[in-house]
Amino acid sequence: MLRSLLRTLALLMAITLLPATVAAQEDDWSARSDPGKRAEVIKRYKQILEGNPSATFVLKQLLKEVGYGRPLERLIEEYREKAAKNPN
């Protein structure tokens, strides 16, 4: 009896806290809607890749964040210039 009461209480608490948690997550991770935050995320991905070029997950996230078309071409050109300056 006590166990089912505790289970019900835990479920009610989870249900009431869920909308606030979801709203906070949307605010925290909505880099696409905020250009400044998006630029900061892209900058951070680039920093991580400079320290660890084999971080494939980070590279995938960077490419996803940058998108296709002209932004991707600029990113490729940026890395080509870096490679030309430091061919090691």
PDB file of N, CA and C in Angstrom:
ATOM      1  N   MET A   1       0.824  -1.188   0.000  1.00  0.00           N
ATOM      2  CA  MET A   1       0.000   0.000   0.000  1.00  0.00           C
ATOM      3  C   MET A   1       0.873   1.259   0.000  1.00  0.00           C
ATOM      4  N   LEU A   2       1.840   1.289   0.879  1.00  0.00           N
ATOM      5  CA  LEU A   2       2.722   2.437   0.963  1.00  0.00           C
ATOM      6  C   LEU A   2       3.547   2.585  -0.318  1.00  0.00           C
ATOM      7  N   ARG A   3       3.949   1.457  -0.863  1.00  0.00           N
ATOM      8  CA  ARG A   3       4.741   1.464  -2.090  1.00  0.00           C
ATOM      9  C   ARG A   3       3.940   2.066  -3.254  1.00  0.00           C
ATOM     10  N   SER A   4       2.681   1.698  -3.397  1.00  0.00           N
ATOM     11  CA  SER A   4       1.860   2.243  -4.486  1.00  0.00           C
ATOM     12  C   SER A   4       1.581   3.728  -4.261  1.00  0.00           C
ATOM     13  N   LEU A   5       1.447   4.146  -3.015  1.00  0.00           N
ATOM     14  CA  LEU A   5       1.247   5.560  -2.711  1.00  0.00           C
ATOM     15  C   LEU A   5       2.486   6.368  -3.097  1.00  0.00           C
ATOM     16  N   LEU A   6       3.654   5.846  -2.762  1.00  0.00           N
ATOM     17  CA  LEU A   6       4.902   6.526  -3.124  1.00  0.00           C
ATOM     18  C   LEU A   6       5.077   6.574  -4.641  1.00  0.00           C
ATOM     19  N   ARG A   7       4.725   5.498  -5.315  1.00  0.00           N
ATOM     20  CA  ARG A   7       4.821   5.440  -6.769  1.00  0.00           C
ATOM     21  C   ARG A   7       3.889   6.487  -7.401  1.00  0.00           C
ATOM     22  N   THR A   8       2.670   6.593  -6.890  1.00  0.00           N
ATOM     23  CA  THR A   8       1.706   7.565  -7.395  1.00  0.00           C
ATOM     24  C   THR A   8       2.196   8.987  -7.140  1.00  0.00           C
ATOM     25  N   LEU A   9       2.737   9.225  -5.960  1.00  0.00           N
ATOM     26  CA  LEU A   9       3.270  10.545  -5.630  1.00  0.00           C
ATOM     27  C   LEU A   9       4.438  10.910  -6.547  1.00  0.00           C
ATOM     28  N   ALA A  10       5.311   9.973  -6.810  1.00  0.00           N
ATOM     29  CA  ALA A  10       6.444  10.219  -7.703  1.00  0.00           C
ATOM     30  C   ALA A  10       5.958  10.517  -9.119  1.00  0.00           C
ATOM     31  N   LEU A  11       4.959   9.802  -9.572  1.00  0.00           N
ATOM     32  CA  LEU A  11       4.398  10.031 -10.899  1.00  0.00           C
ATOM     33  C   LEU A  11       3.776  11.420 -10.995  1.00  0.00           C
ATOM     34  N   LEU A  12       3.035  11.823  -9.975  1.00  0.00           N
ATOM     35  CA  LEU A  12       2.425  13.154  -9.972  1.00  0.00           C
ATOM     36  C   LEU A  12       3.487  14.254  -9.979  1.00  0.00           C
ATOM     37  N   MET A  13       4.544  14.063  -9.226  1.00  0.00           N
ATOM     38  CA  MET A  13       5.633  15.049  -9.212  1.00  0.00           C
ATOM     39  C   MET A  13       6.290  15.137 -10.580  1.00  0.00           C
ATOM     40  N   ALA A  14       6.517  13.999 -11.215  1.00  0.00           N
ATOM     41  CA  ALA A  14       7.144  13.988 -12.536  1.00  0.00           C
ATOM     42  C   ALA A  14       6.272  14.691 -13.563  1.00  0.00           C
ATOM     43  N   ILE A  15       4.973  14.458 -13.492  1.00  0.00           N
ATOM     44  CA  ILE A  15       4.056  15.079 -14.444  1.00  0.00           C
ATOM     45  C   ILE A  15       4.026  16.591 -14.263  1.00  0.00           C
ATOM     46  N   THR A  16       4.033  17.057 -13.035  1.00  0.00           N
ATOM     47  CA  THR A  16       3.964  18.504 -12.803  1.00  0.00           C
ATOM     48  C   THR A  16       5.272  19.197 -13.147  1.00  0.00           C
ATOM     49  N   LEU A  17       6.392  18.511 -13.016  1.00  0.00           N
ATOM     50  CA  LEU A  17       7.680  19.131 -13.313  1.00  0.00           C
ATOM     51  C   LEU A  17       8.071  19.022 -14.777  1.00  0.00           C
ATOM     52  N   LEU A  18       7.469  18.126 -15.516  1.00  0.00           N
ATOM     53  CA  LEU A  18       7.837  17.883 -16.904  1.00  0.00           C
ATOM     54  C   LEU A  18       7.719  19.119 -17.797  1.00  0.00           C
ATOM     55  N   PRO A  19       6.609  19.875 -17.787  1.00  0.00           N
ATOM     56  CA  PRO A  19       6.531  21.049 -18.666  1.00  0.00           C
ATOM     57  C   PRO A  19       7.623  22.080 -18.400  1.00  0.00           C
ATOM     58  N   ALA A  20       7.973  22.299 -17.142  1.00  0.00           N
ATOM     59  CA  ALA A  20       9.025  23.256 -16.821  1.00  0.00           C
ATOM     60  C   ALA A  20      10.377  22.768 -17.327  1.00  0.00           C
ATOM     61  N   THR A  21      10.615  21.478 -17.211  1.00  0.00           N
ATOM     62  CA  THR A  21      11.869  20.909 -17.685  1.00  0.00           C
ATOM     63  C   THR A  21      11.972  21.012 -19.194  1.00  0.00           C
ATOM     64  N   VAL A  22      10.901  20.697 -19.888  1.00  0.00           N
ATOM     65  CA  VAL A  22      10.902  20.774 -21.350  1.00  0.00           C
ATOM     66  C   VAL A  22      11.115  22.208 -21.808  1.00  0.00           C
ATOM     67  N   ALA A  23      10.454  23.166 -21.171  1.00  0.00           N
ATOM     68  CA  ALA A  23      10.625  24.574 -21.535  1.00  0.00           C
ATOM     69  C   ALA A  23      12.061  25.030 -21.302  1.00  0.00           C
ATOM     70  N   ALA A  24      12.661  24.594 -20.206  1.00  0.00           N
ATOM     71  CA  ALA A  24      14.049  24.971 -19.926  1.00  0.00           C
ATOM     72  C   ALA A  24      14.984  24.374 -20.959  1.00  0.00           C
ATOM     73  N   GLN A  25      14.737  23.139 -21.367  1.00  0.00           N
ATOM     74  CA  GLN A  25      15.592  22.512 -22.367  1.00  0.00           C
ATOM     75  C   GLN A  25      15.461  23.218 -23.702  1.00  0.00           C
ATOM     76  N   GLU A  26      14.260  23.627 -24.069  1.00  0.00           N
ATOM     77  CA  GLU A  26      14.086  24.340 -25.328  1.00  0.00           C
ATOM     78  C   GLU A  26      14.852  25.651 -25.306  1.00  0.00           C
ATOM     79  N   ASP A  27      14.823  26.353 -24.174  1.00  0.00           N
ATOM     80  CA  ASP A  27      15.553  27.608 -24.065  1.00  0.00           C
ATOM     81  C   ASP A  27      17.057  27.384 -24.117  1.00  0.00           C
ATOM     82  N   ASP A  28      17.530  26.332 -23.459  1.00  0.00           N
ATOM     83  CA  ASP A  28      18.958  26.080 -23.377  1.00  0.00           C
ATOM     84  C   ASP A  28      19.564  25.642 -24.699  1.00  0.00           C
ATOM     85  N   TRP A  29      18.819  24.922 -25.520  1.00  0.00           N
ATOM     86  CA  TRP A  29      19.394  24.298 -26.704  1.00  0.00           C
ATOM     87  C   TRP A  29      18.891  24.879 -28.015  1.00  0.00           C
ATOM     88  N   SER A  30      18.241  26.016 -27.982  1.00  0.00           N
ATOM     89  CA  SER A  30      17.705  26.578 -29.216  1.00  0.00           C
ATOM     90  C   SER A  30      18.722  27.510 -29.872  1.00  0.00           C
ATOM     91  N   ALA A  31      19.855  26.972 -30.238  1.00  0.00           N
ATOM     92  CA  ALA A  31      20.913  27.782 -30.849  1.00  0.00           C
ATOM     93  C   ALA A  31      20.512  28.265 -32.232  1.00  0.00           C
ATOM     94  N   ARG A  32      19.693  27.517 -32.922  1.00  0.00           N
ATOM     95  CA  ARG A  32      19.293  27.902 -34.274  1.00  0.00           C
ATOM     96  C   ARG A  32      18.455  29.181 -34.285  1.00  0.00           C
ATOM     97  N   SER A  33      17.678  29.424 -33.238  1.00  0.00           N
ATOM     98  CA  SER A  33      16.826  30.604 -33.217  1.00  0.00           C
ATOM     99  C   SER A  33      17.577  31.856 -32.771  1.00  0.00           C
ATOM    100  N   ASP A  34      18.718  31.701 -32.154  1.00  0.00           N
ATOM    101  CA  ASP A  34      19.502  32.837 -31.681  1.00  0.00           C
ATOM    102  C   ASP A  34      20.838  32.867 -32.427  1.00  0.00           C
ATOM    103  N   PRO A  35      21.016  33.810 -33.370  1.00  0.00           N
ATOM    104  CA  PRO A  35      22.250  33.840 -34.165  1.00  0.00           C
ATOM    105  C   PRO A  35      23.516  33.984 -33.318  1.00  0.00           C
ATOM    106  N   GLY A  36      23.454  34.739 -32.244  1.00  0.00           N
ATOM    107  CA  GLY A  36      24.627  34.892 -31.384  1.00  0.00           C
ATOM    108  C   GLY A  36      25.005  33.591 -30.712  1.00  0.00           C
ATOM    109  N   LYS A  37      24.001  32.891 -30.234  1.00  0.00           N
ATOM    110  CA  LYS A  37      24.258  31.606 -29.574  1.00  0.00           C
ATOM    111  C   LYS A  37      24.739  30.580 -30.591  1.00  0.00           C
ATOM    112  N   ARG A  38      24.162  30.626 -31.779  1.00  0.00           N
ATOM    113  CA  ARG A  38      24.562  29.707 -32.845  1.00  0.00           C
ATOM    114  C   ARG A  38      26.027  29.927 -33.212  1.00  0.00           C
ATOM    115  N   ALA A  39      26.425  31.192 -33.341  1.00  0.00           N
ATOM    116  CA  ALA A  39      27.821  31.506 -33.651  1.00  0.00           C
ATOM    117  C   ALA A  39      28.748  31.021 -32.544  1.00  0.00           C
ATOM    118  N   GLU A  40      28.305  31.139 -31.307  1.00  0.00           N
ATOM    119  CA  GLU A  40      29.106  30.674 -30.171  1.00  0.00           C
ATOM    120  C   GLU A  40      29.249  29.152 -30.192  1.00  0.00           C
ATOM    121  N   VAL A  41      28.181  28.453 -30.540  1.00  0.00           N
ATOM    122  CA  VAL A  41      28.222  26.987 -30.627  1.00  0.00           C
ATOM    123  C   VAL A  41      29.195  26.564 -31.730  1.00  0.00           C
ATOM    124  N   ILE A  42      29.105  27.217 -32.881  1.00  0.00           N
ATOM    125  CA  ILE A  42      30.001  26.903 -33.997  1.00  0.00           C
ATOM    126  C   ILE A  42      31.451  27.165 -33.606  1.00  0.00           C
ATOM    127  N   LYS A  43      31.677  28.281 -32.937  1.00  0.00           N
ATOM    128  CA  LYS A  43      33.033  28.627 -32.482  1.00  0.00           C
ATOM    129  C   LYS A  43      33.567  27.561 -31.528  1.00  0.00           C
ATOM    130  N   ARG A  44      32.722  27.091 -30.636  1.00  0.00           N
ATOM    131  CA  ARG A  44      33.142  26.076 -29.668  1.00  0.00           C
ATOM    132  C   ARG A  44      33.454  24.743 -30.358  1.00  0.00           C
ATOM    133  N   TYR A  45      32.635  24.363 -31.334  1.00  0.00           N
ATOM    134  CA  TYR A  45      32.918  23.139 -32.081  1.00  0.00           C
ATOM    135  C   TYR A  45      34.273  23.239 -32.784  1.00  0.00           C
ATOM    136  N   LYS A  46      34.567  24.400 -33.354  1.00  0.00           N
ATOM    137  CA  LYS A  46      35.854  24.592 -34.035  1.00  0.00           C
ATOM    138  C   LYS A  46      37.013  24.478 -33.050  1.00  0.00           C
ATOM    139  N   GLN A  47      36.840  25.028 -31.857  1.00  0.00           N
ATOM    140  CA  GLN A  47      37.891  24.945 -30.837  1.00  0.00           C
ATOM    141  C   GLN A  47      38.134  23.493 -30.435  1.00  0.00           C
ATOM    142  N   ILE A  48      37.065  22.749 -30.260  1.00  0.00           N
ATOM    143  CA  ILE A  48      37.209  21.338 -29.884  1.00  0.00           C
ATOM    144  C   ILE A  48      37.938  20.578 -30.986  1.00  0.00           C
ATOM    145  N   LEU A  49      37.574  20.846 -32.234  1.00  0.00           N
ATOM    146  CA  LEU A  49      38.219  20.151 -33.351  1.00  0.00           C
ATOM    147  C   LEU A  49      39.687  20.531 -33.489  1.00  0.00           C
ATOM    148  N   GLU A  50      40.046  21.757 -33.158  1.00  0.00           N
ATOM    149  CA  GLU A  50      41.470  22.141 -33.215  1.00  0.00           C
ATOM    150  C   GLU A  50      42.271  21.345 -32.202  1.00  0.00           C
ATOM    151  N   GLY A  51      41.678  21.073 -31.040  1.00  0.00           N
ATOM    152  CA  GLY A  51      42.363  20.296 -30.019  1.00  0.00           C
ATOM    153  C   GLY A  51      42.346  18.803 -30.292  1.00  0.00           C
ATOM    154  N   ASN A  52      41.290  18.343 -30.964  1.00  0.00           N
ATOM    155  CA  ASN A  52      41.144  16.914 -31.239  1.00  0.00           C
ATOM    156  C   ASN A  52      40.514  16.737 -32.628  1.00  0.00           C
ATOM    157  N   PRO A  53      41.317  16.777 -33.675  1.00  0.00           N
ATOM    158  CA  PRO A  53      40.784  16.691 -35.042  1.00  0.00           C
ATOM    159  C   PRO A  53      40.072  15.386 -35.364  1.00  0.00           C
ATOM    160  N   SER A  54      40.269  14.356 -34.567  1.00  0.00           N
ATOM    161  CA  SER A  54      39.622  13.071 -34.848  1.00  0.00           C
ATOM    162  C   SER A  54      38.273  12.938 -34.144  1.00  0.00           C
ATOM    163  N   ALA A  55      37.760  14.003 -33.558  1.00  0.00           N
ATOM    164  CA  ALA A  55      36.465  13.965 -32.874  1.00  0.00           C
ATOM    165  C   ALA A  55      35.347  14.013 -33.921  1.00  0.00           C
ATOM    166  N   THR A  56      35.012  12.854 -34.452  1.00  0.00           N
ATOM    167  CA  THR A  56      34.047  12.797 -35.560  1.00  0.00           C
ATOM    168  C   THR A  56      32.659  13.268 -35.161  1.00  0.00           C
ATOM    169  N   PHE A  57      32.253  13.003 -33.927  1.00  0.00           N
ATOM    170  CA  PHE A  57      30.934  13.454 -33.486  1.00  0.00           C
ATOM    171  C   PHE A  57      30.861  14.978 -33.520  1.00  0.00           C
ATOM    172  N   VAL A  58      31.919  15.629 -33.056  1.00  0.00           N
ATOM    173  CA  VAL A  58      31.941  17.092 -33.031  1.00  0.00           C
ATOM    174  C   VAL A  58      31.935  17.635 -34.453  1.00  0.00           C
ATOM    175  N   LEU A  59      32.665  16.989 -35.350  1.00  0.00           N
ATOM    176  CA  LEU A  59      32.661  17.412 -36.745  1.00  0.00           C
ATOM    177  C   LEU A  59      31.258  17.293 -37.340  1.00  0.00           C
ATOM    178  N   LYS A  60      30.580  16.203 -37.061  1.00  0.00           N
ATOM    179  CA  LYS A  60      29.215  16.029 -37.556  1.00  0.00           C
ATOM    180  C   LYS A  60      28.290  17.106 -37.008  1.00  0.00           C
ATOM    181  N   GLN A  61      28.450  17.430 -35.725  1.00  0.00           N
ATOM    182  CA  GLN A  61      27.620  18.471 -35.127  1.00  0.00           C
ATOM    183  C   GLN A  61      27.919  19.836 -35.751  1.00  0.00           C
ATOM    184  N   LEU A  62      29.195  20.094 -36.011  1.00  0.00           N
ATOM    185  CA  LEU A  62      29.578  21.353 -36.651  1.00  0.00           C
ATOM    186  C   LEU A  62      28.945  21.459 -38.028  1.00  0.00           C
ATOM    187  N   LEU A  63      29.037  20.390 -38.812  1.00  0.00           N
ATOM    188  CA  LEU A  63      28.455  20.401 -40.153  1.00  0.00           C
ATOM    189  C   LEU A  63      26.939  20.559 -40.099  1.00  0.00           C
ATOM    190  N   LYS A  64      26.327  19.940 -39.122  1.00  0.00           N
ATOM    191  CA  LYS A  64      24.882  20.063 -38.961  1.00  0.00           C
ATOM    192  C   LYS A  64      24.504  21.505 -38.618  1.00  0.00           C
ATOM    193  N   GLU A  65      25.294  22.124 -37.760  1.00  0.00           N
ATOM    194  CA  GLU A  65      25.017  23.491 -37.327  1.00  0.00           C
ATOM    195  C   GLU A  65      25.269  24.498 -38.446  1.00  0.00           C
ATOM    196  N   VAL A  66      26.316  24.280 -39.224  1.00  0.00           N
ATOM    197  CA  VAL A  66      26.660  25.193 -40.312  1.00  0.00           C
ATOM    198  C   VAL A  66      25.642  25.089 -41.439  1.00  0.00           C
ATOM    199  N   GLY A  67      25.246  23.880 -41.773  1.00  0.00           N
ATOM    200  CA  GLY A  67      24.270  23.682 -42.839  1.00  0.00           C
ATOM    201  C   GLY A  67      24.951  23.527 -44.191  1.00  0.00           C
ATOM    202  N   TYR A  68      24.182  23.720 -45.237  1.00  0.00           N
ATOM    203  CA  TYR A  68      24.670  23.529 -46.599  1.00  0.00           C
ATOM    204  C   TYR A  68      24.796  24.860 -47.317  1.00  0.00           C
ATOM    205  N   GLY A  69      25.286  24.792 -48.539  1.00  0.00           N
ATOM    206  CA  GLY A  69      25.361  25.988 -49.375  1.00  0.00           C
ATOM    207  C   GLY A  69      26.551  26.860 -49.042  1.00  0.00           C
ATOM    208  N   ARG A  70      26.351  28.138 -49.094  1.00  0.00           N
ATOM    209  CA  ARG A  70      27.435  29.109 -48.900  1.00  0.00           C
ATOM    210  C   ARG A  70      28.114  28.995 -47.534  1.00  0.00           C
ATOM    211  N   PRO A  71      27.369  28.809 -46.430  1.00  0.00           N
ATOM    212  CA  PRO A  71      28.059  28.668 -45.138  1.00  0.00           C
ATOM    213  C   PRO A  71      29.032  27.488 -45.102  1.00  0.00           C
ATOM    214  N   LEU A  72      28.642  26.386 -45.715  1.00  0.00           N
ATOM    215  CA  LEU A  72      29.521  25.217 -45.758  1.00  0.00           C
ATOM    216  C   LEU A  72      30.742  25.505 -46.617  1.00  0.00           C
ATOM    217  N   GLU A  73      30.544  26.171 -47.740  1.00  0.00           N
ATOM    218  CA  GLU A  73      31.675  26.539 -48.603  1.00  0.00           C
ATOM    219  C   GLU A  73      32.661  27.440 -47.862  1.00  0.00           C
ATOM    220  N   ARG A  74      32.158  28.381 -47.069  1.00  0.00           N
ATOM    221  CA  ARG A  74      33.037  29.259 -46.277  1.00  0.00           C
ATOM    222  C   ARG A  74      33.826  28.463 -45.250  1.00  0.00           C
ATOM    223  N   LEU A  75      33.166  27.489 -44.605  1.00  0.00           N
ATOM    224  CA  LEU A  75      33.850  26.649 -43.619  1.00  0.00           C
ATOM    225  C   LEU A  75      34.959  25.841 -44.279  1.00  0.00           C
ATOM    226  N   ILE A  76      34.673  25.256 -45.428  1.00  0.00           N
ATOM    227  CA  ILE A  76      35.677  24.474 -46.153  1.00  0.00           C
ATOM    228  C   ILE A  76      36.851  25.364 -46.545  1.00  0.00           C
ATOM    229  N   GLU A  77      36.563  26.557 -47.036  1.00  0.00           N
ATOM    230  CA  GLU A  77      37.619  27.488 -47.437  1.00  0.00           C
ATOM    231  C   GLU A  77      38.466  27.899 -46.228  1.00  0.00           C
ATOM    232  N   GLU A  78      37.815  28.105 -45.102  1.00  0.00           N
ATOM    233  CA  GLU A  78      38.539  28.467 -43.875  1.00  0.00           C
ATOM    234  C   GLU A  78      39.538  27.372 -43.496  1.00  0.00           C
ATOM    235  N   TYR A  79      39.096  26.127 -43.561  1.00  0.00           N
ATOM    236  CA  TYR A  79      39.999  25.022 -43.215  1.00  0.00           C
ATOM    237  C   TYR A  79      41.068  24.794 -44.282  1.00  0.00           C
ATOM    238  N   ARG A  80      40.769  25.065 -45.540  1.00  0.00           N
ATOM    239  CA  ARG A  80      41.790  24.973 -46.588  1.00  0.00           C
ATOM    240  C   ARG A  80      42.895  25.995 -46.357  1.00  0.00           C
ATOM    241  N   GLU A  81      42.507  27.215 -45.990  1.00  0.00           N
ATOM    242  CA  GLU A  81      43.494  28.258 -45.711  1.00  0.00           C
ATOM    243  C   GLU A  81      44.353  27.873 -44.513  1.00  0.00           C
ATOM    244  N   LYS A  82      43.753  27.325 -43.477  1.00  0.00           N
ATOM    245  CA  LYS A  82      44.518  26.892 -42.300  1.00  0.00           C
ATOM    246  C   LYS A  82      45.491  25.777 -42.676  1.00  0.00           C
ATOM    247  N   ALA A  83      45.040  24.859 -43.510  1.00  0.00           N
ATOM    248  CA  ALA A  83      45.902  23.745 -43.935  1.00  0.00           C
ATOM    249  C   ALA A  83      47.053  24.252 -44.804  1.00  0.00           C
ATOM    250  N   ALA A  84      46.810  25.261 -45.631  1.00  0.00           N
ATOM    251  CA  ALA A  84      47.849  25.813 -46.494  1.00  0.00           C
ATOM    252  C   ALA A  84      48.905  26.539 -45.649  1.00  0.00           C
ATOM    253  N   LYS A  85      48.480  27.210 -44.593  1.00  0.00           N
ATOM    254  CA  LYS A  85      49.416  27.933 -43.722  1.00  0.00           C
ATOM    255  C   LYS A  85      50.272  26.981 -42.896  1.00  0.00           C
ATOM    256  N   ASN A  86      49.675  25.860 -42.505  1.00  0.00           N
ATOM    257  CA  ASN A  86      50.374  24.905 -41.645  1.00  0.00           C
ATOM    258  C   ASN A  86      50.195  23.499 -42.232  1.00  0.00           C
ATOM    259  N   PRO A  87      51.016  23.125 -43.218  1.00  0.00           N
ATOM    260  CA  PRO A  87      50.818  21.851 -43.899  1.00  0.00           C
ATOM    261  C   PRO A  87      51.177  20.605 -43.082  1.00  0.00           C
ATOM    262  N   ASN A  88      51.652  20.755 -41.873  1.00  0.00           N
ATOM    263  CA  ASN A  88      52.037  19.576 -41.055  1.00  0.00           C
ATOM    264  C   ASN A  88      50.841  18.767 -40.785  1.00  0.00           C
TER     265      ASN A  88
END
